[in-house]
Amino acid sequence: MESQTEQAIPVMLVTDTRKSLQWYRELGFEEEWSHSIGKGFPVLTSLTRGNIRIFLSEYINGIPPRSIVYLMIHKDTAISSTGNTNNPEEASEITLHDPDGNRINIRYH
């Protein structure tokens, strides 16, 4: 039997998945899958970046607006700052905000 690594997956409320996907791709995330019960219904999308996984959800029930996520990233892996910080190459921690105001704190180690 295979052992699965334990993990926590944050769920970020978004209003426009396509717009959010573009922003998160600049941080190195890739779309793993998307699900909706039909055209015109909210979408739930899984994104990954290495071992990091986050969900973007258009479903408003139970998800607080403007979530905060901390990402612990190896210093040798580049993150695009999307213009939200002065000099990310010299910073040990940067704070970014996605198009919906969710806060992404990135700590380099």
Protein backbone atom coordinates (compact mmCIF):
# COMPACT_ATOMS: atom_id res chain seq x y z
CA MET A 1 0.00 0.00 0.00
CA GLU A 2 1.35 3.43 -0.97
CA SER A 3 1.74 6.00 1.74
CA GLN A 4 0.43 9.48 0.93
CA THR A 5 2.12 12.58 2.26
CA GLU A 6 -0.07 14.57 4.61
CA GLN A 7 -0.88 18.07 3.45
CA ALA A 8 -3.14 21.03 3.98
CA ILE A 9 -4.71 22.62 0.91
CA PRO A 10 -5.80 26.24 1.26
CA VAL A 11 -8.92 27.30 -0.64
CA MET A 12 -8.88 30.84 -2.04
CA LEU A 13 -12.12 32.56 -3.06
CA VAL A 14 -11.88 34.07 -6.55
CA THR A 15 -14.41 35.83 -8.76
CA ASP A 16 -12.88 35.01 -12.15
CA THR A 17 -10.90 31.77 -12.39
CA ARG A 18 -9.36 32.60 -15.78
CA LYS A 19 -8.02 35.95 -14.54
CA SER A 20 -6.72 34.33 -11.35
CA LEU A 21 -5.07 31.47 -13.28
CA GLN A 22 -3.08 33.99 -15.29
CA TRP A 23 -1.87 35.69 -12.10
CA TYR A 24 -0.95 32.44 -10.31
CA ARG A 25 0.89 31.15 -13.39
CA GLU A 26 3.23 34.13 -13.01
CA LEU A 27 4.11 32.67 -9.59
CA GLY A 28 4.97 29.33 -11.18
CA PHE A 29 1.70 27.49 -10.48
CA GLU A 30 0.19 25.12 -13.03
CA GLU A 31 -3.43 24.09 -13.36
CA GLU A 32 -3.87 20.48 -12.25
CA TRP A 33 -7.65 20.20 -12.82
CA SER A 34 -10.89 22.22 -12.84
CA HIS A 35 -14.42 21.17 -11.99
CA SER A 36 -17.87 22.70 -12.46
CA ILE A 37 -21.30 21.11 -12.50
CA GLY A 38 -22.09 22.89 -15.75
CA LYS A 39 -21.72 25.96 -17.92
CA GLY A 40 -22.39 29.15 -15.98
CA PHE A 41 -21.82 27.48 -12.59
CA PRO A 42 -18.92 28.23 -10.23
CA VAL A 43 -15.57 26.55 -10.88
CA LEU A 44 -13.18 24.82 -8.45
CA THR A 45 -9.57 24.61 -9.70
CA SER A 46 -6.51 22.86 -8.29
CA LEU A 47 -3.12 24.51 -8.83
CA THR A 48 0.30 23.06 -8.06
CA ARG A 49 3.83 24.38 -7.82
CA GLY A 50 6.17 21.54 -6.94
CA ASN A 51 4.77 20.05 -3.72
CA ILE A 52 2.55 23.07 -3.04
CA ARG A 53 -1.15 22.77 -3.91
CA ILE A 54 -3.88 25.40 -3.61
CA PHE A 55 -7.51 25.45 -4.67
CA LEU A 56 -9.15 28.44 -6.33
CA SER A 57 -12.91 28.46 -5.85
CA GLU A 58 -15.72 30.56 -7.26
CA TYR A 59 -18.10 28.85 -4.76
CA ILE A 60 -18.82 31.50 -2.13
CA ASN A 61 -20.38 29.29 0.56
CA GLY A 62 -18.03 28.72 3.47
CA ILE A 63 -14.95 30.42 2.03
CA PRO A 64 -13.88 33.69 3.62
CA PRO A 65 -13.00 36.54 1.28
CA ARG A 66 -9.40 37.74 1.29
CA SER A 67 -7.63 34.69 2.66
CA ILE A 68 -3.97 34.64 3.70
CA VAL A 69 -1.56 31.91 2.60
CA TYR A 70 2.10 31.52 3.55
CA LEU A 71 4.34 29.79 1.04
CA MET A 72 7.74 28.56 2.14
CA ILE A 73 9.87 28.61 -1.02
CA HIS A 74 13.49 27.60 -1.57
CA LYS A 75 15.55 30.73 -2.26
CA ASP A 76 16.90 29.22 -5.49
CA THR A 77 13.40 28.95 -7.03
CA ALA A 78 12.31 32.15 -8.70
CA ILE A 79 8.96 33.82 -8.03
CA SER A 80 7.66 36.58 -10.22
CA SER A 81 6.69 39.47 -7.98
CA THR A 82 4.09 40.83 -10.44
CA GLY A 83 5.29 44.28 -9.45
CA ASN A 84 4.04 44.16 -5.84
CA THR A 85 7.40 44.54 -4.10
CA ASN A 86 10.48 46.72 -4.52
CA ASN A 87 13.22 44.10 -4.85
CA PRO A 88 12.15 40.45 -4.38
CA GLU A 89 15.61 39.12 -5.24
CA GLU A 90 17.03 40.60 -2.02
CA ALA A 91 14.00 40.03 0.22
CA SER A 92 13.64 37.09 2.61
CA GLU A 93 9.87 37.54 2.59
CA ILE A 94 7.51 39.29 0.19
CA THR A 95 3.77 39.92 0.30
CA LEU A 96 1.64 39.82 -2.83
CA HIS A 97 -2.10 40.24 -3.41
CA ASP A 98 -3.96 38.31 -6.08
CA PRO A 99 -6.68 39.95 -8.23
CA ASP A 100 -9.30 39.21 -5.52
CA GLY A 101 -7.31 40.63 -2.61
CA ASN A 102 -6.12 37.27 -1.21
CA ARG A 103 -2.75 37.80 0.46
CA ILE A 104 0.17 35.55 -0.49
CA ASN A 105 3.15 35.79 1.85
CA ILE A 106 6.23 34.17 0.36
CA ARG A 107 9.08 33.35 2.71
CA TYR A 108 12.39 32.29 1.17
CA HIS A 109 14.60 29.81 2.99
